[in-house]
């Protein structure tokens, strides 16, 4: 049986790193593809390049999973810079451990535009069989006033969604993964 495409929305905040840890430890299974999805509101390089990538995201790579960035390339600071990613050692370590310990293939997908809408679109375009998002724990009033990416995705994405709250993780999981 072919593995699933499990997406994790990551903006490199503590909440999104917790969602990544949770997905790697609890959801990813051998043969799955763990796909870090980063949606940026804007693109800093040439407008023409941003326009070309805006609809589908990252440049196309060879193979069936076109437009996904493999972990090996993602680990290269020059590649991260091209995509405007602020990857840190902690995130790369989580991804490398997931690949080694869980037997998953790790990729990234970078999208430009409204994060809530782009994450929802990624479900169809990648495609994803599951999406994990972090939640900052905003009150209902703040979600209405400020908007919430996780609320939008839960209500609009056409696949199972897991929302990971920062306080949802036991300390043992945080230290071991």
N, C-alpha and C. Protein backbone atom coordinates (compact mmCIF):
# COMPACT_ATOMS: atom_id res chain seq x y z
N UNK A 1 0.84 -1.18 0.00
CA UNK A 1 0.00 0.00 0.00
C UNK A 1 0.88 1.24 0.00
N UNK A 2 0.58 2.20 -0.84
CA UNK A 2 1.35 3.44 -0.91
C UNK A 2 1.11 4.26 0.34
N UNK A 3 2.15 5.00 0.74
CA UNK A 3 2.04 5.85 1.91
C UNK A 3 1.18 7.08 1.66
N UNK A 4 0.83 7.73 2.74
CA UNK A 4 0.00 8.94 2.68
C UNK A 4 0.88 10.18 2.56
N UNK A 5 0.28 11.24 2.08
CA UNK A 5 0.90 12.56 2.13
C UNK A 5 0.32 13.25 3.35
N UNK A 6 1.15 13.42 4.38
CA UNK A 6 0.74 14.06 5.62
C UNK A 6 1.38 15.45 5.64
N UNK A 7 0.55 16.49 5.57
CA UNK A 7 1.04 17.85 5.58
C UNK A 7 1.04 18.42 6.98
N UNK A 8 2.03 19.27 7.26
CA UNK A 8 2.08 19.99 8.53
C UNK A 8 2.33 21.45 8.21
N UNK A 9 1.39 22.30 8.61
CA UNK A 9 1.53 23.73 8.39
C UNK A 9 2.57 24.27 9.38
N UNK A 10 3.61 24.92 8.85
CA UNK A 10 4.69 25.40 9.70
C UNK A 10 5.03 26.84 9.36
N UNK A 11 5.01 27.69 10.39
CA UNK A 11 5.49 29.07 10.23
C UNK A 11 6.71 29.31 11.11
N UNK A 12 7.24 28.22 11.69
CA UNK A 12 8.43 28.20 12.53
C UNK A 12 8.20 28.82 13.91
N UNK A 13 6.94 29.02 14.28
CA UNK A 13 6.61 29.47 15.63
C UNK A 13 6.66 28.25 16.56
N UNK A 14 6.70 28.48 17.87
CA UNK A 14 6.67 27.33 18.80
C UNK A 14 5.43 26.45 18.60
N UNK A 15 4.28 27.05 18.33
CA UNK A 15 3.06 26.26 18.10
C UNK A 15 3.20 25.35 16.89
N UNK A 16 3.74 25.87 15.80
CA UNK A 16 3.84 25.05 14.60
C UNK A 16 4.91 23.97 14.75
N UNK A 17 5.97 24.26 15.51
CA UNK A 17 6.97 23.22 15.77
C UNK A 17 6.38 22.10 16.62
N UNK A 18 5.50 22.45 17.55
CA UNK A 18 4.82 21.43 18.34
C UNK A 18 3.92 20.57 17.44
N UNK A 19 3.26 21.21 16.48
CA UNK A 19 2.42 20.46 15.53
C UNK A 19 3.29 19.51 14.71
N UNK A 20 4.46 19.97 14.30
CA UNK A 20 5.39 19.13 13.54
C UNK A 20 5.87 17.94 14.39
N UNK A 21 6.23 18.22 15.64
CA UNK A 21 6.64 17.13 16.55
C UNK A 21 5.51 16.11 16.71
N UNK A 22 4.29 16.62 16.92
CA UNK A 22 3.15 15.74 17.14
C UNK A 22 2.91 14.86 15.91
N UNK A 23 2.93 15.47 14.73
CA UNK A 23 2.69 14.71 13.50
C UNK A 23 3.76 13.65 13.30
N UNK A 24 5.02 14.01 13.55
CA UNK A 24 6.12 13.06 13.37
C UNK A 24 6.01 11.90 14.34
N UNK A 25 5.62 12.18 15.57
CA UNK A 25 5.57 11.14 16.60
C UNK A 25 4.29 10.32 16.60
N UNK A 26 3.17 10.91 16.18
CA UNK A 26 1.88 10.26 16.34
C UNK A 26 1.14 9.90 15.05
N UNK A 27 1.47 10.54 13.97
CA UNK A 27 0.69 10.35 12.75
C UNK A 27 1.50 9.71 11.62
N UNK A 28 2.73 10.15 11.47
CA UNK A 28 3.56 9.65 10.36
C UNK A 28 3.87 8.16 10.56
N UNK A 29 3.70 7.41 9.48
CA UNK A 29 3.95 5.97 9.51
C UNK A 29 4.96 5.63 8.41
N UNK A 30 5.66 4.51 8.56
CA UNK A 30 6.62 4.12 7.52
C UNK A 30 5.99 4.16 6.12
N UNK A 31 6.71 4.76 5.18
CA UNK A 31 6.23 4.87 3.82
C UNK A 31 5.46 6.15 3.53
N UNK A 32 5.07 6.88 4.58
CA UNK A 32 4.36 8.15 4.38
C UNK A 32 5.34 9.22 3.91
N UNK A 33 4.79 10.27 3.36
CA UNK A 33 5.54 11.47 3.02
C UNK A 33 5.08 12.55 3.99
N UNK A 34 6.01 13.03 4.82
CA UNK A 34 5.74 14.12 5.76
C UNK A 34 6.12 15.40 5.04
N UNK A 35 5.13 16.27 4.81
CA UNK A 35 5.35 17.45 3.99
C UNK A 35 5.15 18.71 4.83
N UNK A 36 6.25 19.41 5.07
CA UNK A 36 6.22 20.68 5.76
C UNK A 36 5.65 21.69 4.78
N UNK A 37 4.56 22.36 5.15
CA UNK A 37 3.94 23.34 4.26
C UNK A 37 4.05 24.71 4.90
N UNK A 38 4.71 25.60 4.17
CA UNK A 38 4.93 26.96 4.67
C UNK A 38 4.26 27.93 3.71
N UNK A 39 3.30 28.67 4.20
CA UNK A 39 2.60 29.66 3.38
C UNK A 39 3.06 31.05 3.77
N UNK A 40 3.57 31.77 2.80
CA UNK A 40 4.07 33.12 3.03
C UNK A 40 3.10 34.12 2.41
N UNK A 41 2.83 35.19 3.14
CA UNK A 41 1.90 36.20 2.65
C UNK A 41 2.47 36.93 1.43
N UNK A 42 3.80 37.06 1.35
CA UNK A 42 4.39 37.75 0.20
C UNK A 42 5.72 37.12 -0.14
N UNK A 43 6.21 37.45 -1.32
CA UNK A 43 7.47 36.94 -1.81
C UNK A 43 8.42 38.10 -2.00
N UNK A 44 9.66 37.99 -1.52
CA UNK A 44 10.59 39.12 -1.50
C UNK A 44 11.44 39.27 -2.76
N UNK A 45 11.49 38.25 -3.61
CA UNK A 45 12.35 38.34 -4.79
C UNK A 45 11.61 39.02 -5.94
N UNK A 46 12.09 38.81 -7.15
CA UNK A 46 11.52 39.46 -8.32
C UNK A 46 10.02 39.19 -8.45
N UNK A 47 9.29 40.21 -8.86
CA UNK A 47 7.84 40.07 -9.00
C UNK A 47 7.48 38.99 -10.01
N UNK A 48 8.25 38.87 -11.09
CA UNK A 48 7.97 37.85 -12.11
C UNK A 48 8.07 36.45 -11.56
N UNK A 49 9.07 36.20 -10.75
CA UNK A 49 9.24 34.88 -10.15
C UNK A 49 8.09 34.62 -9.18
N UNK A 50 7.74 35.62 -8.39
CA UNK A 50 6.63 35.46 -7.44
C UNK A 50 5.35 35.13 -8.20
N UNK A 51 5.14 35.81 -9.32
CA UNK A 51 3.93 35.56 -10.11
C UNK A 51 3.91 34.12 -10.64
N UNK A 52 5.06 33.64 -11.11
CA UNK A 52 5.13 32.28 -11.63
C UNK A 52 4.86 31.25 -10.53
N UNK A 53 5.35 31.49 -9.34
CA UNK A 53 5.23 30.52 -8.26
C UNK A 53 3.98 30.70 -7.42
N UNK A 54 3.30 31.83 -7.55
CA UNK A 54 2.18 32.15 -6.67
C UNK A 54 1.08 31.11 -6.72
N UNK A 55 0.76 30.65 -7.91
CA UNK A 55 -0.36 29.72 -8.04
C UNK A 55 -0.05 28.36 -7.42
N UNK A 56 1.11 27.79 -7.73
CA UNK A 56 1.41 26.44 -7.30
C UNK A 56 2.51 26.32 -6.26
N UNK A 57 3.20 27.40 -5.97
CA UNK A 57 4.23 27.34 -4.93
C UNK A 57 5.59 26.99 -5.48
N UNK A 58 6.36 26.24 -4.71
CA UNK A 58 7.75 25.95 -5.00
C UNK A 58 7.97 25.48 -6.43
N UNK A 59 9.18 25.76 -6.91
CA UNK A 59 9.55 25.33 -8.26
C UNK A 59 9.37 23.84 -8.42
N UNK A 60 9.14 23.42 -9.62
CA UNK A 60 8.95 21.99 -9.90
C UNK A 60 10.27 21.25 -9.77
N UNK A 61 10.22 20.09 -9.15
CA UNK A 61 11.36 19.18 -9.06
C UNK A 61 10.99 17.93 -9.85
N UNK A 62 11.97 17.13 -10.19
CA UNK A 62 11.71 15.92 -10.95
C UNK A 62 10.89 14.94 -10.12
N UNK A 63 10.18 14.09 -10.82
CA UNK A 63 9.47 13.00 -10.15
C UNK A 63 8.00 13.28 -9.95
N UNK A 64 7.34 12.30 -9.37
CA UNK A 64 5.89 12.36 -9.22
C UNK A 64 5.45 13.45 -8.24
N UNK A 65 6.29 13.78 -7.27
CA UNK A 65 5.92 14.79 -6.28
C UNK A 65 6.47 16.15 -6.71
N UNK A 66 6.08 16.58 -7.90
CA UNK A 66 6.57 17.84 -8.46
C UNK A 66 6.26 18.98 -7.51
N UNK A 67 7.16 19.93 -7.49
CA UNK A 67 7.05 21.14 -6.70
C UNK A 67 7.19 20.90 -5.20
N UNK A 68 7.74 19.77 -4.81
CA UNK A 68 8.07 19.52 -3.42
C UNK A 68 9.59 19.57 -3.28
N UNK A 69 10.05 20.13 -2.18
CA UNK A 69 11.49 20.26 -1.93
C UNK A 69 11.92 19.12 -1.02
N UNK A 70 12.80 18.22 -1.47
CA UNK A 70 13.27 17.13 -0.62
C UNK A 70 14.08 17.64 0.57
N UNK A 71 14.10 16.89 1.66
CA UNK A 71 14.81 17.28 2.88
C UNK A 71 16.26 17.62 2.61
N UNK A 72 16.94 16.83 1.78
CA UNK A 72 18.35 17.08 1.50
C UNK A 72 18.55 18.47 0.91
N UNK A 73 17.70 18.88 -0.02
CA UNK A 73 17.80 20.22 -0.59
C UNK A 73 17.39 21.28 0.42
N UNK A 74 16.35 21.00 1.19
CA UNK A 74 15.85 21.93 2.19
C UNK A 74 16.92 22.25 3.22
N UNK A 75 17.79 21.29 3.51
CA UNK A 75 18.84 21.47 4.50
C UNK A 75 19.95 22.41 4.01
N UNK A 76 20.00 22.64 2.71
CA UNK A 76 21.01 23.53 2.12
C UNK A 76 20.58 24.98 2.34
N UNK A 77 21.38 25.77 3.06
CA UNK A 77 21.01 27.17 3.34
C UNK A 77 20.73 28.00 2.08
N UNK A 78 21.41 27.67 0.99
CA UNK A 78 21.17 28.42 -0.26
C UNK A 78 19.77 28.16 -0.79
N UNK A 79 19.31 26.92 -0.70
CA UNK A 79 17.96 26.58 -1.16
C UNK A 79 16.92 27.24 -0.26
N UNK A 80 17.14 27.17 1.05
CA UNK A 80 16.22 27.81 1.99
C UNK A 80 16.10 29.30 1.71
N UNK A 81 17.23 29.92 1.39
CA UNK A 81 17.22 31.36 1.11
C UNK A 81 16.41 31.68 -0.15
N UNK A 82 16.54 30.84 -1.17
CA UNK A 82 15.79 31.05 -2.41
C UNK A 82 14.29 31.11 -2.12
N UNK A 83 13.84 30.23 -1.23
CA UNK A 83 12.42 30.16 -0.90
C UNK A 83 12.02 31.09 0.23
N UNK A 84 12.99 31.81 0.79
CA UNK A 84 12.68 32.74 1.87
C UNK A 84 12.32 32.04 3.17
N UNK A 85 12.86 30.85 3.39
CA UNK A 85 12.56 30.09 4.60
C UNK A 85 13.56 30.44 5.70
N UNK A 86 13.05 30.57 6.91
CA UNK A 86 13.89 30.83 8.07
C UNK A 86 14.04 29.53 8.86
N UNK A 87 14.58 28.50 8.20
CA UNK A 87 14.74 27.21 8.86
C UNK A 87 15.76 27.32 9.97
N UNK A 88 15.44 26.69 11.08
CA UNK A 88 16.37 26.66 12.19
C UNK A 88 16.80 25.22 12.45
N UNK A 89 17.80 25.07 13.25
CA UNK A 89 18.35 23.74 13.54
C UNK A 89 17.29 22.83 14.16
N UNK A 90 16.45 23.37 15.05
CA UNK A 90 15.43 22.57 15.72
C UNK A 90 14.47 21.94 14.71
N UNK A 91 14.00 22.72 13.75
CA UNK A 91 13.07 22.21 12.74
C UNK A 91 13.74 21.15 11.87
N UNK A 92 14.96 21.43 11.44
CA UNK A 92 15.69 20.44 10.63
C UNK A 92 15.94 19.15 11.40
N UNK A 93 16.21 19.26 12.70
CA UNK A 93 16.42 18.06 13.52
C UNK A 93 15.14 17.24 13.63
N UNK A 94 14.00 17.91 13.82
CA UNK A 94 12.72 17.20 13.90
C UNK A 94 12.48 16.44 12.59
N UNK A 95 12.72 17.10 11.47
CA UNK A 95 12.50 16.47 10.16
C UNK A 95 13.46 15.31 9.93
N UNK A 96 14.73 15.50 10.27
CA UNK A 96 15.72 14.44 10.07
C UNK A 96 15.40 13.22 10.94
N UNK A 97 14.99 13.46 12.20
CA UNK A 97 14.61 12.35 13.08
C UNK A 97 13.39 11.62 12.55
N UNK A 98 12.42 12.36 12.02
CA UNK A 98 11.22 11.72 11.47
C UNK A 98 11.61 10.80 10.31
N UNK A 99 12.51 11.28 9.47
CA UNK A 99 12.94 10.46 8.33
C UNK A 99 13.67 9.21 8.81
N UNK A 100 14.57 9.37 9.76
CA UNK A 100 15.38 8.24 10.21
C UNK A 100 14.61 7.27 11.10
N UNK A 101 13.85 7.81 12.05
CA UNK A 101 13.21 6.95 13.05
C UNK A 101 11.84 6.43 12.62
N UNK A 102 11.12 7.19 11.83
CA UNK A 102 9.76 6.79 11.45
C UNK A 102 9.69 6.20 10.05
N UNK A 103 10.78 6.31 9.29
CA UNK A 103 10.79 5.74 7.95
C UNK A 103 9.91 6.50 6.97
N UNK A 104 9.86 7.82 7.13
CA UNK A 104 9.07 8.65 6.22
C UNK A 104 9.98 9.43 5.30
N UNK A 105 9.46 9.80 4.16
CA UNK A 105 10.15 10.72 3.27
C UNK A 105 9.72 12.13 3.67
N UNK A 106 10.66 13.05 3.72
CA UNK A 106 10.37 14.41 4.16
C UNK A 106 10.56 15.39 3.01
N UNK A 107 9.55 16.23 2.83
CA UNK A 107 9.57 17.26 1.80
C UNK A 107 9.06 18.56 2.40
N UNK A 108 9.23 19.63 1.64
CA UNK A 108 8.63 20.91 2.00
C UNK A 108 7.91 21.46 0.78
N UNK A 109 6.91 22.26 1.04
CA UNK A 109 6.16 22.95 -0.01
C UNK A 109 6.02 24.39 0.46
N UNK A 110 6.43 25.33 -0.37
CA UNK A 110 6.31 26.75 -0.03
C UNK A 110 5.26 27.36 -0.94
N UNK A 111 4.31 28.06 -0.33
CA UNK A 111 3.23 28.70 -1.06
C UNK A 111 3.22 30.19 -0.74
N UNK A 112 2.79 30.99 -1.72
CA UNK A 112 2.71 32.43 -1.49
C UNK A 112 1.27 32.87 -1.63
N UNK A 113 0.82 33.64 -0.64
CA UNK A 113 -0.55 34.14 -0.62
C UNK A 113 -1.11 34.02 0.79
N UNK A 114 -2.40 34.21 0.92
CA UNK A 114 -3.06 34.12 2.22
C UNK A 114 -2.85 32.72 2.79
N UNK A 115 -2.20 32.61 3.97
CA UNK A 115 -1.90 31.28 4.51
C UNK A 115 -3.12 30.36 4.66
N UNK A 116 -4.23 30.86 5.16
CA UNK A 116 -5.41 30.01 5.36
C UNK A 116 -5.90 29.44 4.03
N UNK A 117 -6.00 30.28 3.03
CA UNK A 117 -6.47 29.82 1.72
C UNK A 117 -5.46 28.90 1.04
N UNK A 118 -4.18 29.23 1.14
CA UNK A 118 -3.15 28.42 0.49
C UNK A 118 -3.05 27.03 1.13
N UNK A 119 -3.19 26.95 2.45
CA UNK A 119 -3.17 25.64 3.10
C UNK A 119 -4.36 24.80 2.66
N UNK A 120 -5.50 25.44 2.53
CA UNK A 120 -6.70 24.73 2.09
C UNK A 120 -6.53 24.24 0.65
N UNK A 121 -5.95 25.08 -0.20
CA UNK A 121 -5.71 24.68 -1.59
C UNK A 121 -4.68 23.55 -1.68
N UNK A 122 -3.71 23.54 -0.77
CA UNK A 122 -2.66 22.52 -0.79
C UNK A 122 -3.23 21.11 -0.62
N UNK A 123 -4.35 21.01 0.07
CA UNK A 123 -4.99 19.70 0.26
C UNK A 123 -5.26 19.06 -1.10
N UNK A 124 -5.69 19.86 -2.08
CA UNK A 124 -6.00 19.33 -3.41
C UNK A 124 -4.77 19.30 -4.31
N UNK A 125 -3.92 20.33 -4.22
CA UNK A 125 -2.83 20.45 -5.17
C UNK A 125 -1.66 19.53 -4.89
N UNK A 126 -1.40 19.19 -3.63
CA UNK A 126 -0.23 18.37 -3.35
C UNK A 126 -0.44 16.92 -3.80
N UNK A 127 -1.45 16.20 -3.56
CA UNK A 127 -2.57 16.33 -2.62
C UNK A 127 -2.20 15.76 -1.24
N UNK A 128 -2.97 16.16 -0.23
CA UNK A 128 -2.76 15.69 1.13
C UNK A 128 -3.88 14.76 1.55
N UNK A 129 -3.52 13.75 2.30
CA UNK A 129 -4.53 12.88 2.89
C UNK A 129 -4.82 13.28 4.34
N UNK A 130 -3.93 14.11 4.91
CA UNK A 130 -4.11 14.59 6.29
C UNK A 130 -3.33 15.89 6.42
N UNK A 131 -3.85 16.82 7.23
CA UNK A 131 -3.17 18.08 7.48
C UNK A 131 -3.16 18.35 8.98
N UNK A 132 -2.00 18.72 9.49
CA UNK A 132 -1.84 19.05 10.91
C UNK A 132 -1.48 20.53 11.00
N UNK A 133 -2.18 21.25 11.87
CA UNK A 133 -1.91 22.67 12.07
C UNK A 133 -1.77 22.94 13.56
N UNK A 134 -1.01 23.97 13.89
CA UNK A 134 -0.88 24.41 15.28
C UNK A 134 -1.96 25.43 15.58
N UNK A 135 -2.15 25.67 16.87
CA UNK A 135 -3.17 26.62 17.31
C UNK A 135 -2.58 27.42 18.47
N UNK A 136 -2.70 28.74 18.37
CA UNK A 136 -2.15 29.60 19.42
C UNK A 136 -3.08 29.74 20.60
N UNK A 137 -4.26 29.16 20.54
CA UNK A 137 -5.17 29.22 21.67
C UNK A 137 -5.87 30.56 21.82
N UNK A 138 -6.18 31.21 20.70
CA UNK A 138 -6.90 32.48 20.77
C UNK A 138 -8.31 32.26 21.31
N UNK A 139 -8.82 33.25 22.02
CA UNK A 139 -10.20 33.18 22.48
C UNK A 139 -11.13 33.31 21.28
N UNK A 140 -12.40 32.99 21.47
CA UNK A 140 -13.37 33.08 20.38
C UNK A 140 -13.45 34.51 19.85
N UNK A 141 -13.40 35.49 20.72
CA UNK A 141 -13.47 36.89 20.29
C UNK A 141 -12.26 37.26 19.46
N UNK A 142 -11.06 36.87 19.91
CA UNK A 142 -9.85 37.19 19.15
C UNK A 142 -9.85 36.49 17.80
N UNK A 143 -10.36 35.24 17.74
CA UNK A 143 -10.43 34.53 16.46
C UNK A 143 -11.31 35.29 15.48
N UNK A 144 -12.44 35.82 15.97
CA UNK A 144 -13.35 36.57 15.11
C UNK A 144 -12.70 37.87 14.66
N UNK A 145 -12.05 38.58 15.58
CA UNK A 145 -11.45 39.87 15.24
C UNK A 145 -10.18 39.73 14.40
N UNK A 146 -9.32 38.80 14.76
CA UNK A 146 -8.02 38.68 14.10
C UNK A 146 -8.01 37.62 13.01
N UNK A 147 -8.95 36.73 13.05
CA UNK A 147 -8.93 35.62 12.11
C UNK A 147 -8.05 34.51 12.64
N UNK A 148 -8.32 33.31 12.23
CA UNK A 148 -7.53 32.17 12.68
C UNK A 148 -7.32 31.25 11.49
N UNK A 149 -6.05 30.99 11.20
CA UNK A 149 -5.73 30.08 10.11
C UNK A 149 -6.29 28.70 10.40
N UNK A 150 -6.10 28.22 11.62
CA UNK A 150 -6.56 26.86 11.93
C UNK A 150 -8.08 26.74 11.84
N UNK A 151 -8.80 27.76 12.28
CA UNK A 151 -10.27 27.73 12.18
C UNK A 151 -10.71 27.70 10.72
N UNK A 152 -10.09 28.52 9.89
CA UNK A 152 -10.44 28.54 8.47
C UNK A 152 -10.17 27.18 7.83
N UNK A 153 -8.99 26.62 8.11
CA UNK A 153 -8.61 25.34 7.50
C UNK A 153 -9.56 24.23 7.95
N UNK A 154 -9.89 24.19 9.23
CA UNK A 154 -10.81 23.16 9.73
C UNK A 154 -12.15 23.24 9.02
N UNK A 155 -12.61 24.45 8.73
CA UNK A 155 -13.92 24.63 8.11
C UNK A 155 -13.92 24.52 6.60
N UNK A 156 -12.76 24.54 5.95
CA UNK A 156 -12.74 24.56 4.49
C UNK A 156 -11.94 23.45 3.82
N UNK A 157 -11.02 22.82 4.51
CA UNK A 157 -10.18 21.80 3.87
C UNK A 157 -10.94 20.48 3.74
N UNK A 158 -10.67 19.78 2.65
CA UNK A 158 -11.39 18.53 2.33
C UNK A 158 -10.55 17.30 2.66
N UNK A 159 -9.98 17.27 3.85
CA UNK A 159 -9.27 16.09 4.33
C UNK A 159 -9.31 16.15 5.85
N UNK A 160 -8.95 15.05 6.53
CA UNK A 160 -8.90 15.11 7.98
C UNK A 160 -7.88 16.15 8.44
N UNK A 161 -8.23 16.90 9.48
CA UNK A 161 -7.37 17.94 10.03
C UNK A 161 -7.15 17.64 11.50
N UNK A 162 -5.93 17.79 11.96
CA UNK A 162 -5.64 17.72 13.39
C UNK A 162 -5.10 19.07 13.81
N UNK A 163 -5.71 19.65 14.85
CA UNK A 163 -5.26 20.92 15.39
C UNK A 163 -4.52 20.61 16.69
N UNK A 164 -3.25 20.97 16.74
CA UNK A 164 -2.41 20.68 17.91
C UNK A 164 -2.23 21.98 18.69
N UNK A 165 -2.71 21.96 19.91
CA UNK A 165 -2.51 23.11 20.80
C UNK A 165 -1.15 22.96 21.47
N UNK A 166 -0.55 24.08 21.77
CA UNK A 166 0.77 24.05 22.38
C UNK A 166 0.75 23.28 23.70
N UNK A 167 -0.29 23.43 24.49
CA UNK A 167 -0.36 22.74 25.78
C UNK A 167 -0.85 21.31 25.66
N UNK A 168 -1.07 20.82 24.43
CA UNK A 168 -1.57 19.47 24.21
C UNK A 168 -0.47 18.42 24.36
N UNK A 169 0.77 18.81 24.17
CA UNK A 169 1.87 17.85 24.17
C UNK A 169 2.37 17.54 25.58
N UNK A 170 2.55 16.27 25.90
CA UNK A 170 3.19 15.93 27.17
C UNK A 170 4.67 16.29 27.08
N UNK A 171 5.27 16.62 28.20
CA UNK A 171 6.67 17.04 28.20
C UNK A 171 7.60 15.94 27.67
N UNK A 172 7.27 14.68 27.87
CA UNK A 172 8.11 13.60 27.37
C UNK A 172 8.20 13.62 25.85
N UNK A 173 7.09 13.93 25.17
CA UNK A 173 7.10 13.98 23.72
C UNK A 173 7.95 15.14 23.24
N UNK A 174 7.85 16.29 23.91
CA UNK A 174 8.60 17.46 23.52
C UNK A 174 10.10 17.22 23.63
N UNK A 175 10.54 16.49 24.66
CA UNK A 175 11.98 16.28 24.82
C UNK A 175 12.51 15.13 23.96
N UNK A 176 11.67 14.16 23.64
CA UNK A 176 12.17 13.01 22.89
C UNK A 176 12.04 13.16 21.39
N UNK A 177 11.30 14.15 20.95
CA UNK A 177 11.15 14.30 19.51
C UNK A 177 11.32 15.72 19.11
